[in-house]
C-alpha atoms as a PDB file:
ATOM      1  CA  UNK A   1      -9.929  16.351 -18.403  1.00  0.00           C
ATOM      2  CA  UNK A   2     -10.488  16.564 -14.541  1.00  0.00           C
ATOM      3  CA  UNK A   3      -7.867  18.775 -12.858  1.00  0.00           C
ATOM      4  CA  UNK A   4      -9.918  18.798  -9.674  1.00  0.00           C
ATOM      5  CA  UNK A   5     -11.761  15.388  -8.506  1.00  0.00           C
ATOM      6  CA  UNK A   6     -13.566  17.521  -5.601  1.00  0.00           C
ATOM      7  CA  UNK A   7     -13.408  21.213  -4.681  1.00  0.00           C
ATOM      8  CA  UNK A   8     -13.225  22.111  -1.149  1.00  0.00           C
ATOM      9  CA  UNK A   9     -13.462  25.901  -1.837  1.00  0.00           C
ATOM     10  CA  UNK A  10     -10.868  28.511  -1.266  1.00  0.00           C
ATOM     11  CA  UNK A  11      -9.110  30.061   2.099  1.00  0.00           C
ATOM     12  CA  UNK A  12      -7.271  33.565   2.119  1.00  0.00           C
ATOM     13  CA  UNK A  13      -3.761  33.588   3.215  1.00  0.00           C
ATOM     14  CA  UNK A  14      -2.623  37.055   3.792  1.00  0.00           C
ATOM     15  CA  UNK A  15      -5.051  38.389   1.401  1.00  0.00           C
ATOM     16  CA  UNK A  16      -4.151  35.648  -1.405  1.00  0.00           C
ATOM     17  CA  UNK A  17      -6.704  33.262  -2.013  1.00  0.00           C
ATOM     18  CA  UNK A  18      -5.611  29.454  -2.487  1.00  0.00           C
ATOM     19  CA  UNK A  19      -8.076  26.717  -3.946  1.00  0.00           C
ATOM     20  CA  UNK A  20      -8.536  23.852  -1.520  1.00  0.00           C
ATOM     21  CA  UNK A  21      -9.584  20.435  -2.984  1.00  0.00           C
ATOM     22  CA  UNK A  22      -8.430  16.944  -4.191  1.00  0.00           C
ATOM     23  CA  UNK A  23      -6.510  17.052  -7.372  1.00  0.00           C
ATOM     24  CA  UNK A  24      -6.311  14.220 -10.022  1.00  0.00           C
ATOM     25  CA  UNK A  25      -2.513  14.911 -10.393  1.00  0.00           C
ATOM     26  CA  UNK A  26      -1.686  14.902  -6.410  1.00  0.00           C
ATOM     27  CA  UNK A  27      -3.479  11.628  -6.356  1.00  0.00           C
ATOM     28  CA  UNK A  28      -1.857   9.917  -9.444  1.00  0.00           C
ATOM     29  CA  UNK A  29       1.600  11.187  -7.443  1.00  0.00           C
ATOM     30  CA  UNK A  30       0.706   9.359  -4.213  1.00  0.00           C
ATOM     31  CA  UNK A  31       0.076   6.369  -6.623  1.00  0.00           C
ATOM     32  CA  UNK A  32       3.337   6.776  -7.825  1.00  0.00           C
ATOM     33  CA  UNK A  33       5.166   6.698  -4.396  1.00  0.00           C
ATOM     34  CA  UNK A  34       2.782   4.165  -3.122  1.00  0.00           C
ATOM     35  CA  UNK A  35       3.610   1.906  -5.890  1.00  0.00           C
ATOM     36  CA  UNK A  36       7.285   2.329  -5.253  1.00  0.00           C
ATOM     37  CA  UNK A  37       6.790   1.674  -1.916  1.00  0.00           C
ATOM     38  CA  UNK A  38       5.156  -1.719  -1.833  1.00  0.00           C
ATOM     39  CA  UNK A  39       7.542  -2.806  -5.315  1.00  0.00           C
ATOM     40  CA  UNK A  40      10.844  -2.029  -2.576  1.00  0.00           C
ATOM     41  CA  UNK A  41       9.002  -3.958   0.279  1.00  0.00           C
ATOM     42  CA  UNK A  42       8.980  -6.744  -2.182  1.00  0.00           C
ATOM     43  CA  UNK A  43      12.605  -6.383  -3.462  1.00  0.00           C
ATOM     44  CA  UNK A  44      14.235  -5.648  -0.169  1.00  0.00           C
ATOM     45  CA  UNK A  45      13.865  -8.882   1.465  1.00  0.00           C
ATOM     46  CA  UNK A  46      15.078 -10.796  -1.826  1.00  0.00           C
ATOM     47  CA  UNK A  47      18.361  -9.004  -1.586  1.00  0.00           C
ATOM     48  CA  UNK A  48      18.648  -9.085   2.005  1.00  0.00           C
ATOM     49  CA  UNK A  49      18.272  -5.677   2.969  1.00  0.00           C
ATOM     50  CA  UNK A  50      15.937  -4.150   5.820  1.00  0.00           C
ATOM     51  CA  UNK A  51      12.737  -3.530   4.801  1.00  0.00           C
ATOM     52  CA  UNK A  52      12.210  -0.706   7.226  1.00  0.00           C
ATOM     53  CA  UNK A  53      14.694   1.957   5.012  1.00  0.00           C
ATOM     54  CA  UNK A  54      11.936   1.427   2.296  1.00  0.00           C
ATOM     55  CA  UNK A  55       9.555   3.435   4.250  1.00  0.00           C
ATOM     56  CA  UNK A  56      12.875   5.935   5.141  1.00  0.00           C
ATOM     57  CA  UNK A  57      13.614   6.306   1.142  1.00  0.00           C
ATOM     58  CA  UNK A  58      10.071   6.961   0.001  1.00  0.00           C
ATOM     59  CA  UNK A  59       9.353   9.392   2.281  1.00  0.00           C
ATOM     60  CA  UNK A  60      12.527  11.648   2.060  1.00  0.00           C
ATOM     61  CA  UNK A  61      11.868  10.948  -1.772  1.00  0.00           C
ATOM     62  CA  UNK A  62       8.576  12.667  -1.352  1.00  0.00           C
ATOM     63  CA  UNK A  63       9.969  15.336   0.539  1.00  0.00           C
ATOM     64  CA  UNK A  64      12.952  16.642  -1.325  1.00  0.00           C
ATOM     65  CA  UNK A  65      11.337  15.768  -4.767  1.00  0.00           C
ATOM     66  CA  UNK A  66       8.531  17.724  -4.484  1.00  0.00           C
ATOM     67  CA  UNK A  67      10.435  20.426  -2.999  1.00  0.00           C
ATOM     68  CA  UNK A  68      13.204  20.221  -5.849  1.00  0.00           C
ATOM     69  CA  UNK A  69      10.093  20.608  -8.157  1.00  0.00           C
ATOM     70  CA  UNK A  70       8.784  23.142  -6.919  1.00  0.00           C
ATOM     71  CA  UNK A  71      12.692  25.008  -6.848  1.00  0.00           C
ATOM     72  CA  UNK A  72      13.505  23.944 -10.423  1.00  0.00           C
ATOM     73  CA  UNK A  73       9.988  25.806 -11.584  1.00  0.00           C
ATOM     74  CA  UNK A  74      10.840  29.031  -9.616  1.00  0.00           C
ATOM     75  CA  UNK A  75      14.210  29.190 -11.163  1.00  0.00           C
ATOM     76  CA  UNK A  76      13.099  28.509 -14.772  1.00  0.00           C
ATOM     77  CA  UNK A  77       9.925  30.562 -14.606  1.00  0.00           C
ATOM     78  CA  UNK A  78      10.547  33.061 -12.216  1.00  0.00           C
ATOM     79  CA  UNK A  79       7.385  32.709 -10.221  1.00  0.00           C
ATOM     80  CA  UNK A  80       7.440  32.468  -6.417  1.00  0.00           C
ATOM     81  CA  UNK A  81       3.875  31.631  -6.306  1.00  0.00           C
ATOM     82  CA  UNK A  82       4.358  28.030  -7.435  1.00  0.00           C
ATOM     83  CA  UNK A  83       5.591  27.379  -4.056  1.00  0.00           C
ATOM     84  CA  UNK A  84       1.789  27.778  -2.613  1.00  0.00           C
ATOM     85  CA  UNK A  85       0.127  26.146  -5.167  1.00  0.00           C
ATOM     86  CA  UNK A  86      -0.763  22.740  -6.473  1.00  0.00           C
ATOM     87  CA  UNK A  87       0.664  22.977  -9.804  1.00  0.00           C
ATOM     88  CA  UNK A  88       4.779  23.937 -10.610  1.00  0.00           C
ATOM     89  CA  UNK A  89       6.297  20.860 -10.596  1.00  0.00           C
ATOM     90  CA  UNK A  90       9.393  19.872 -12.976  1.00  0.00           C
ATOM     91  CA  UNK A  91      10.052  16.403 -13.202  1.00  0.00           C
ATOM     92  CA  UNK A  92      14.035  16.619 -13.456  1.00  0.00           C
ATOM     93  CA  UNK A  93      13.944  19.388 -10.529  1.00  0.00           C
ATOM     94  CA  UNK A  94      12.163  16.360  -8.309  1.00  0.00           C
ATOM     95  CA  UNK A  95      14.405  13.183  -9.859  1.00  0.00           C
ATOM     96  CA  UNK A  96      17.647  15.523  -8.809  1.00  0.00           C
ATOM     97  CA  UNK A  97      16.836  16.409  -5.563  1.00  0.00           C
ATOM     98  CA  UNK A  98      14.846  13.138  -4.820  1.00  0.00           C
ATOM     99  CA  UNK A  99      17.989  11.591  -6.009  1.00  0.00           C
ATOM    100  CA  UNK A 100      20.399  13.494  -3.723  1.00  0.00           C
ATOM    101  CA  UNK A 101      18.015  12.555  -0.772  1.00  0.00           C
ATOM    102  CA  UNK A 102      17.738   8.882  -1.145  1.00  0.00           C
ATOM    103  CA  UNK A 103      21.665   8.310  -1.864  1.00  0.00           C
ATOM    104  CA  UNK A 104      21.953  10.021   1.359  1.00  0.00           C
ATOM    105  CA  UNK A 105      19.442   8.062   3.272  1.00  0.00           C
ATOM    106  CA  UNK A 106      21.156   5.158   1.698  1.00  0.00           C
ATOM    107  CA  UNK A 107      24.880   6.051   3.040  1.00  0.00           C
ATOM    108  CA  UNK A 108      23.623   7.055   6.153  1.00  0.00           C
ATOM    109  CA  UNK A 109      21.912   3.211   6.859  1.00  0.00           C
ATOM    110  CA  UNK A 110      25.349   1.848   6.174  1.00  0.00           C
ATOM    111  CA  UNK A 111      23.368  -0.641   3.134  1.00  0.00           C
ATOM    112  CA  UNK A 112      24.831  -1.635   0.197  1.00  0.00           C
ATOM    113  CA  UNK A 113      24.487   1.279  -2.481  1.00  0.00           C
ATOM    114  CA  UNK A 114      24.236  -0.511  -5.664  1.00  0.00           C
ATOM    115  CA  UNK A 115      21.841  -3.395  -4.679  1.00  0.00           C
ATOM    116  CA  UNK A 116      19.299  -0.734  -3.222  1.00  0.00           C
ATOM    117  CA  UNK A 117      19.489   1.607  -6.461  1.00  0.00           C
ATOM    118  CA  UNK A 118      19.300  -1.417  -8.764  1.00  0.00           C
ATOM    119  CA  UNK A 119      15.941  -2.204  -7.373  1.00  0.00           C
ATOM    120  CA  UNK A 120      14.483   1.558  -7.155  1.00  0.00           C
ATOM    121  CA  UNK A 121      15.574   1.902 -11.163  1.00  0.00           C
ATOM    122  CA  UNK A 122      12.812   0.090 -12.845  1.00  0.00           C
ATOM    123  CA  UNK A 123      10.363   1.429 -10.297  1.00  0.00           C
ATOM    124  CA  UNK A 124      11.234   4.864 -10.915  1.00  0.00           C
ATOM    125  CA  UNK A 125       9.992   4.228 -14.446  1.00  0.00           C
ATOM    126  CA  UNK A 126       6.839   3.024 -13.292  1.00  0.00           C
ATOM    127  CA  UNK A 127       6.552   6.031 -10.761  1.00  0.00           C
ATOM    128  CA  UNK A 128       7.005   8.543 -13.867  1.00  0.00           C
ATOM    129  CA  UNK A 129       4.472   7.118 -16.019  1.00  0.00           C
ATOM    130  CA  UNK A 130       1.866   6.937 -13.334  1.00  0.00           C
ATOM    131  CA  UNK A 131       2.607  10.707 -12.660  1.00  0.00           C
ATOM    132  CA  UNK A 132       2.573  11.434 -16.201  1.00  0.00           C
ATOM    133  CA  UNK A 133      -1.274  10.115 -16.399  1.00  0.00           C
ATOM    134  CA  UNK A 134      -1.675  13.173 -13.492  1.00  0.00           C
ATOM    135  CA  UNK A 135      -0.289  15.671 -15.848  1.00  0.00           C
ATOM    136  CA  UNK A 136      -2.831  13.787 -18.546  1.00  0.00           C
ATOM    137  CA  UNK A 137      -5.994  14.160 -16.535  1.00  0.00           C
ATOM    138  CA  UNK A 138      -5.013  17.811 -15.009  1.00  0.00           C
ATOM    139  CA  UNK A 139      -4.110  19.302 -18.599  1.00  0.00           C
ATOM    140  CA  UNK A 140      -0.938  21.102 -16.583  1.00  0.00           C
ATOM    141  CA  UNK A 141       0.570  21.810 -20.006  1.00  0.00           C
ATOM    142  CA  UNK A 142       2.819  19.464 -20.352  1.00  0.00           C
ATOM    143  CA  UNK A 143       1.151  18.259 -23.792  1.00  0.00           C
ATOM    144  CA  UNK A 144       2.569  18.868 -27.082  1.00  0.00           C
ATOM    145  CA  UNK A 145       2.253  21.054 -29.537  1.00  0.00           C
ATOM    146  CA  UNK A 146      -0.751  21.814 -31.983  1.00  0.00           C
ATOM    147  CA  UNK A 147      -1.559  18.923 -34.591  1.00  0.00           C
ATOM    148  CA  UNK A 148      -4.377  18.249 -36.826  1.00  0.00           C
ATOM    149  CA  UNK A 149      -4.374  14.474 -36.120  1.00  0.00           C
ATOM    150  CA  UNK A 150      -7.384  12.718 -35.019  1.00  0.00           C
ATOM    151  CA  UNK A 151      -8.088  11.401 -31.388  1.00  0.00           C
ATOM    152  CA  UNK A 152      -5.911   9.934 -29.926  1.00  0.00           C
ATOM    153  CA  UNK A 153      -3.313  11.116 -32.003  1.00  0.00           C
ATOM    154  CA  UNK A 154      -4.539  14.367 -30.942  1.00  0.00           C
ATOM    155  CA  UNK A 155      -6.417  15.540 -27.694  1.00  0.00           C
ATOM    156  CA  UNK A 156      -8.163  19.014 -26.602  1.00  0.00           C
ATOM    157  CA  UNK A 157      -7.858  20.203 -22.887  1.00  0.00           C
ATOM    158  CA  UNK A 158     -10.547  22.576 -22.996  1.00  0.00           C
ATOM    159  CA  UNK A 159     -10.575  22.366 -19.132  1.00  0.00           C
ATOM    160  CA  UNK A 160      -7.334  21.794 -18.213  1.00  0.00           C
ATOM    161  CA  UNK A 161      -4.921  24.103 -16.132  1.00  0.00           C
ATOM    162  CA  UNK A 162      -3.516  25.328 -19.203  1.00  0.00           C
ATOM    163  CA  UNK A 163      -6.476  24.830 -21.668  1.00  0.00           C
ATOM    164  CA  UNK A 164      -5.766  24.731 -25.477  1.00  0.00           C
ATOM    165  CA  UNK A 165      -8.016  27.508 -26.346  1.00  0.00           C
ATOM    166  CA  UNK A 166      -6.645  29.965 -28.698  1.00  0.00           C
ATOM    167  CA  UNK A 167      -6.545  33.576 -27.048  1.00  0.00           C
ATOM    168  CA  UNK A 168      -7.752  35.509 -29.990  1.00  0.00           C
ATOM    169  CA  UNK A 169     -10.389  33.441 -31.837  1.00  0.00           C
ATOM    170  CA  UNK A 170     -11.601  31.165 -28.560  1.00  0.00           C
ATOM    171  CA  UNK A 171     -10.931  28.277 -30.518  1.00  0.00           C
ATOM    172  CA  UNK A 172     -10.370  25.018 -29.029  1.00  0.00           C
ATOM    173  CA  UNK A 173      -7.563  23.128 -30.926  1.00  0.00           C
ATOM    174  CA  UNK A 174      -5.881  19.778 -30.781  1.00  0.00           C
ATOM    175  CA  UNK A 175      -2.703  19.169 -29.162  1.00  0.00           C
ATOM    176  CA  UNK A 176      -0.208  15.728 -29.154  1.00  0.00           C
ATOM    177  CA  UNK A 177      -0.746  14.032 -25.964  1.00  0.00           C
ATOM    178  CA  UNK A 178       3.068  13.705 -24.456  1.00  0.00           C
ATOM    179  CA  UNK A 179       2.004  12.754 -21.141  1.00  0.00           C
ATOM    180  CA  UNK A 180       0.535   9.496 -23.032  1.00  0.00           C
ATOM    181  CA  UNK A 181       3.466   8.867 -24.976  1.00  0.00           C
ATOM    182  CA  UNK A 182       5.400   9.484 -21.353  1.00  0.00           C
ATOM    183  CA  UNK A 183       3.272   6.825 -20.032  1.00  0.00           C
ATOM    184  CA  UNK A 184       3.553   3.949 -22.618  1.00  0.00           C
ATOM    185  CA  UNK A 185       6.941   4.283 -23.072  1.00  0.00           C
ATOM    186  CA  UNK A 186       7.567   4.259 -19.211  1.00  0.00           C
ATOM    187  CA  UNK A 187       5.530   1.277 -18.939  1.00  0.00           C
ATOM    188  CA  UNK A 188       6.892  -0.516 -21.584  1.00  0.00           C
ATOM    189  CA  UNK A 189      10.532   0.069 -20.178  1.00  0.00           C
ATOM    190  CA  UNK A 190       9.424  -1.012 -16.924  1.00  0.00           C
ATOM    191  CA  UNK A 191       7.974  -4.330 -17.992  1.00  0.00           C
ATOM    192  CA  UNK A 192      11.067  -5.181 -19.711  1.00  0.00           C
ATOM    193  CA  UNK A 193      13.554  -4.175 -16.817  1.00  0.00           C
ATOM    194  CA  UNK A 194      11.300  -5.961 -14.587  1.00  0.00           C
ATOM    195  CA  UNK A 195      11.439  -9.202 -16.518  1.00  0.00           C
ATOM    196  CA  UNK A 196      15.164  -9.049 -16.642  1.00  0.00           C
ATOM    197  CA  UNK A 197      16.286  -7.513 -13.459  1.00  0.00           C
ATOM    198  CA  UNK A 198      17.411 -10.921 -11.723  1.00  0.00           C
ATOM    199  CA  UNK A 199      19.888 -11.119 -14.753  1.00  0.00           C
ATOM    200  CA  UNK A 200      21.342  -7.246 -15.173  1.00  0.00           C
ATOM    201  CA  UNK A 201      21.503  -7.394 -11.447  1.00  0.00           C
ATOM    202  CA  UNK A 202      24.686 -10.138 -11.546  1.00  0.00           C
ATOM    203  CA  UNK A 203      26.925  -6.782 -12.100  1.00  0.00           C
ATOM    204  CA  UNK A 204      25.215  -4.364  -8.987  1.00  0.00           C
ATOM    205  CA  UNK A 205      25.077  -0.869 -10.703  1.00  0.00           C
ATOM    206  CA  UNK A 206      24.086  -1.543 -14.124  1.00  0.00           C
ATOM    207  CA  UNK A 207      20.215  -1.409 -14.013  1.00  0.00           C
ATOM    208  CA  UNK A 208      20.305   1.707 -12.554  1.00  0.00           C
ATOM    209  CA  UNK A 209      22.833   3.451 -15.260  1.00  0.00           C
ATOM    210  CA  UNK A 210      20.781   1.851 -17.941  1.00  0.00           C
ATOM    211  CA  UNK A 211      17.603   3.389 -16.439  1.00  0.00           C
ATOM    212  CA  UNK A 212      19.181   6.982 -16.317  1.00  0.00           C
ATOM    213  CA  UNK A 213      20.272   6.736 -19.773  1.00  0.00           C
ATOM    214  CA  UNK A 214      16.426   5.697 -21.011  1.00  0.00           C
ATOM    215  CA  UNK A 215      15.345   8.332 -19.126  1.00  0.00           C
ATOM    216  CA  UNK A 216      17.429  10.820 -20.781  1.00  0.00           C
ATOM    217  CA  UNK A 217      17.020   9.438 -24.581  1.00  0.00           C
ATOM    218  CA  UNK A 218      13.517   9.470 -23.739  1.00  0.00           C
ATOM    219  CA  UNK A 219      12.942  12.753 -22.337  1.00  0.00           C
ATOM    220  CA  UNK A 220      15.239  13.930 -25.276  1.00  0.00           C
ATOM    221  CA  UNK A 221      13.149  12.731 -27.844  1.00  0.00           C
ATOM    222  CA  UNK A 222       9.798  13.523 -26.341  1.00  0.00           C
ATOM    223  CA  UNK A 223      10.763  17.269 -26.016  1.00  0.00           C
ATOM    224  CA  UNK A 224      10.625  18.060 -29.598  1.00  0.00           C
ATOM    225  CA  UNK A 225       7.057  17.509 -29.303  1.00  0.00           C
ATOM    226  CA  UNK A 226       6.532  19.301 -26.230  1.00  0.00           C
ATOM    227  CA  UNK A 227       5.445  23.022 -25.998  1.00  0.00           C
ATOM    228  CA  UNK A 228       8.294  24.101 -23.871  1.00  0.00           C
ATOM    229  CA  UNK A 229      10.696  26.934 -24.102  1.00  0.00           C
ATOM    230  CA  UNK A 230      13.977  26.388 -25.810  1.00  0.00           C
ATOM    231  CA  UNK A 231      17.088  27.612 -24.638  1.00  0.00           C
ATOM    232  CA  UNK A 232      19.736  26.669 -27.339  1.00  0.00           C
ATOM    233  CA  UNK A 233      18.126  26.941 -30.606  1.00  0.00           C
ATOM    234  CA  UNK A 234      18.658  27.743 -34.397  1.00  0.00           C
ATOM    235  CA  UNK A 235      17.296  30.979 -36.262  1.00  0.00           C
ATOM    236  CA  UNK A 236      18.232  32.673 -39.530  1.00  0.00           C
ATOM    237  CA  UNK A 237      21.421  30.198 -39.735  1.00  0.00           C
ATOM    238  CA  UNK A 238      22.505  31.474 -36.236  1.00  0.00           C
ATOM    239  CA  UNK A 239      22.833  29.681 -33.144  1.00  0.00           C
ATOM    240  CA  UNK A 240      21.621  31.560 -30.242  1.00  0.00           C
ATOM    241  CA  UNK A 241      23.463  31.311 -26.966  1.00  0.00           C
ATOM    242  CA  UNK A 242      22.210  29.062 -23.675  1.00  0.00           C
ATOM    243  CA  UNK A 243      19.815  30.488 -21.446  1.00  0.00           C
ATOM    244  CA  UNK A 244      18.672  33.019 -24.081  1.00  0.00           C
ATOM    245  CA  UNK A 245      15.084  31.978 -23.369  1.00  0.00           C
ATOM    246  CA  UNK A 246      12.119  31.961 -26.059  1.00  0.00           C
ATOM    247  CA  UNK A 247       8.826  33.381 -25.086  1.00  0.00           C
ATOM    248  CA  UNK A 248       6.073  30.675 -25.411  1.00  0.00           C
ATOM    249  CA  UNK A 249       4.710  29.992 -28.910  1.00  0.00           C
ATOM    250  CA  UNK A 250       2.944  27.531 -30.708  1.00  0.00           C
ATOM    251  CA  UNK A 251       5.985  27.761 -33.828  1.00  0.00           C
ATOM    252  CA  UNK A 252       9.037  27.680 -32.138  1.00  0.00           C
ATOM    253  CA  UNK A 253      12.482  27.338 -34.296  1.00  0.00           C
ATOM    254  CA  UNK A 254      14.068  24.100 -34.080  1.00  0.00           C
ATOM    255  CA  UNK A 255      16.367  23.838 -30.472  1.00  0.00           C
ATOM    256  CA  UNK A 256      16.541  22.520 -27.298  1.00  0.00           C
ATOM    257  CA  UNK A 257      14.753  22.996 -24.082  1.00  0.00           C
ATOM    258  CA  UNK A 258      15.892  22.614 -20.300  1.00  0.00           C
ATOM    259  CA  UNK A 259      15.080  19.332 -20.005  1.00  0.00           C
ATOM    260  CA  UNK A 260      17.134  18.110 -22.999  1.00  0.00           C
ATOM    261  CA  UNK A 261      19.964  19.878 -21.903  1.00  0.00           C
ATOM    262  CA  UNK A 262      19.606  18.315 -18.812  1.00  0.00           C
ATOM    263  CA  UNK A 263      19.298  14.672 -20.592  1.00  0.00           C
ATOM    264  CA  UNK A 264      22.262  15.242 -22.598  1.00  0.00           C
ATOM    265  CA  UNK A 265      24.497  16.761 -19.958  1.00  0.00           C
ATOM    266  CA  UNK A 266      23.508  15.173 -16.852  1.00  0.00           C
ATOM    267  CA  UNK A 267      21.755  12.071 -16.861  1.00  0.00           C
ATOM    268  CA  UNK A 268      22.896  10.323 -20.188  1.00  0.00           C
ATOM    269  CA  UNK A 269      26.881  10.725 -19.082  1.00  0.00           C
ATOM    270  CA  UNK A 270      25.930   9.547 -15.584  1.00  0.00           C
ATOM    271  CA  UNK A 271      24.175   6.587 -16.604  1.00  0.00           C
ATOM    272  CA  UNK A 272      26.882   5.643 -19.256  1.00  0.00           C
ATOM    273  CA  UNK A 273      29.689   6.146 -16.628  1.00  0.00           C
ATOM    274  CA  UNK A 274      27.958   4.148 -13.892  1.00  0.00           C
ATOM    275  CA  UNK A 275      27.392   1.110 -16.414  1.00  0.00           C
ATOM    276  CA  UNK A 276      31.073   1.122 -17.230  1.00  0.00           C
ATOM    277  CA  UNK A 277      32.422   1.576 -14.216  1.00  0.00           C
ATOM    278  CA  UNK A 278      29.993  -1.154 -12.678  1.00  0.00           C
ATOM    279  CA  UNK A 279      31.253  -3.341 -15.220  1.00  0.00           C
ATOM    280  CA  UNK A 280      35.037  -2.427 -14.847  1.00  0.00           C
ATOM    281  CA  UNK A 281      34.697  -2.724 -10.788  1.00  0.00           C
ATOM    282  CA  UNK A 282      36.481  -5.608  -9.369  1.00  0.00           C
ATOM    283  CA  UNK A 283      34.940  -8.356  -7.695  1.00  0.00           C
ATOM    284  CA  UNK A 284      36.551  -8.932  -4.626  1.00  0.00           C
ATOM    285  CA  UNK A 285      36.976 -12.332  -3.957  1.00  0.00           C
ATOM    286  CA  UNK A 286      39.501 -13.801  -1.116  1.00  0.00           C
ATOM    287  CA  UNK A 287      42.900 -15.456  -2.400  1.00  0.00           C
ATOM    288  CA  UNK A 288      42.435 -18.531  -0.227  1.00  0.00           C
ATOM    289  CA  UNK A 289      39.265 -19.846   1.129  1.00  0.00           C
ATOM    290  CA  UNK A 290      39.410 -19.626   5.070  1.00  0.00           C
ATOM    291  CA  UNK A 291      39.159 -23.226   6.497  1.00  0.00           C
ATOM    292  CA  UNK A 292      35.987 -24.142   8.493  1.00  0.00           C
ATOM    293  CA  UNK A 293      35.969 -23.568  12.343  1.00  0.00           C
ATOM    294  CA  UNK A 294      36.839 -26.873  13.991  1.00  0.00           C
ATOM    295  CA  UNK A 295      34.630 -26.811  17.669  1.00  0.00           C
ATOM    296  CA  UNK A 296      37.233 -28.359  20.324  1.00  0.00           C
ATOM    297  CA  UNK A 297      36.241 -31.591  21.702  1.00  0.00           C
ATOM    298  CA  UNK A 298      34.637 -30.549  25.340  1.00  0.00           C
ATOM    299  CA  UNK A 299      33.374 -32.835  27.753  1.00  0.00           C
ATOM    300  CA  UNK A 300      29.779 -32.919  28.545  1.00  0.00           C
ATOM    301  CA  UNK A 301      28.940 -31.208  31.819  1.00  0.00           C
ATOM    302  CA  UNK A 302      28.399 -33.255  34.518  1.00  0.00           C
ATOM    303  CA  UNK A 303      25.860 -32.337  37.046  1.00  0.00           C
ATOM    304  CA  UNK A 304      26.112 -33.139  40.435  1.00  0.00           C
ATOM    305  CA  UNK A 305      23.903 -35.848  42.308  1.00  0.00           C
ATOM    306  CA  UNK A 306      21.734 -34.704  44.811  1.00  0.00           C
ATOM    307  CA  UNK A 307      22.228 -36.473  48.073  1.00  0.00           C
ATOM    308  CA  UNK A 308      19.127 -38.269  49.506  1.00  0.00           C
ATOM    309  CA  UNK A 309      18.727 -36.599  53.310  1.00  0.00           C
ATOM    310  CA  UNK A 310      18.425 -39.211  56.043  1.00  0.00           C
ATOM    311  CA  UNK A 311      15.433 -39.062  58.061  1.00  0.00           C
ATOM    312  CA  UNK A 312      15.569 -39.590  61.860  1.00  0.00           C
ATOM    313  CA  UNK A 313      13.384 -42.065  63.157  1.00  0.00           C
END
């Protein structure tokens, strides 16, 4: 893998070294937001929306998305150093904070909310897929648990940010490349939503609701293969309470991760409510058609004729 494309060395701030360089994850993140900007620039004119709003939406999504992803990581893993590193980003933290910032931006602009978030929905899927390629190149630990399947079903990350090397034996082992699964599933979903977006957007809000449902269901399924801590799990016939966090292990009991809980308790319900509310929302149609305004007959304005001045002989 290629976590760092070019290394500029390290700088020391308050006695702590910080590596400086061009990282593959950062490049893919920038590409994801740039792709969303280009897509919005194409969609907004078709929906009679000011294109300048796309710049404000993407800018706030970048700032608050990264900040939310960092805060989520710090809260979950209690690691304040993540604020000052290039890693330590959690998708759902960025998704929640970025969504709030985007909704506030649309509200302040006075533009129609539902058509805009419908335009963002499919592009969000594509952006997540591109970001997952960044995870794959960086080897940041978003991959799955150990597996014995050959490539490409099983991949090794010996040079990743979190290398797949056994701490005791030093053996390099294979894991499920779940970022690659995420990328493929997101790109396929984006293609379908983009293909049928003009039909689905006839009822504003349906596209964004379906996108949230898809993200929640997809993440809930993928998490069973990922190497994440479980917060609600079964062991020896007992159900352990929420936030009883397990230490990282390759052999975990069956349970749910934090991302799965957010999918089930937040994303999927919000998506379902948005779809049903959009379909039941009454369409405002005037009872009687207003007559066309008639112009009054106004006689044309006559310009006074200029009098010729007589010249004296």
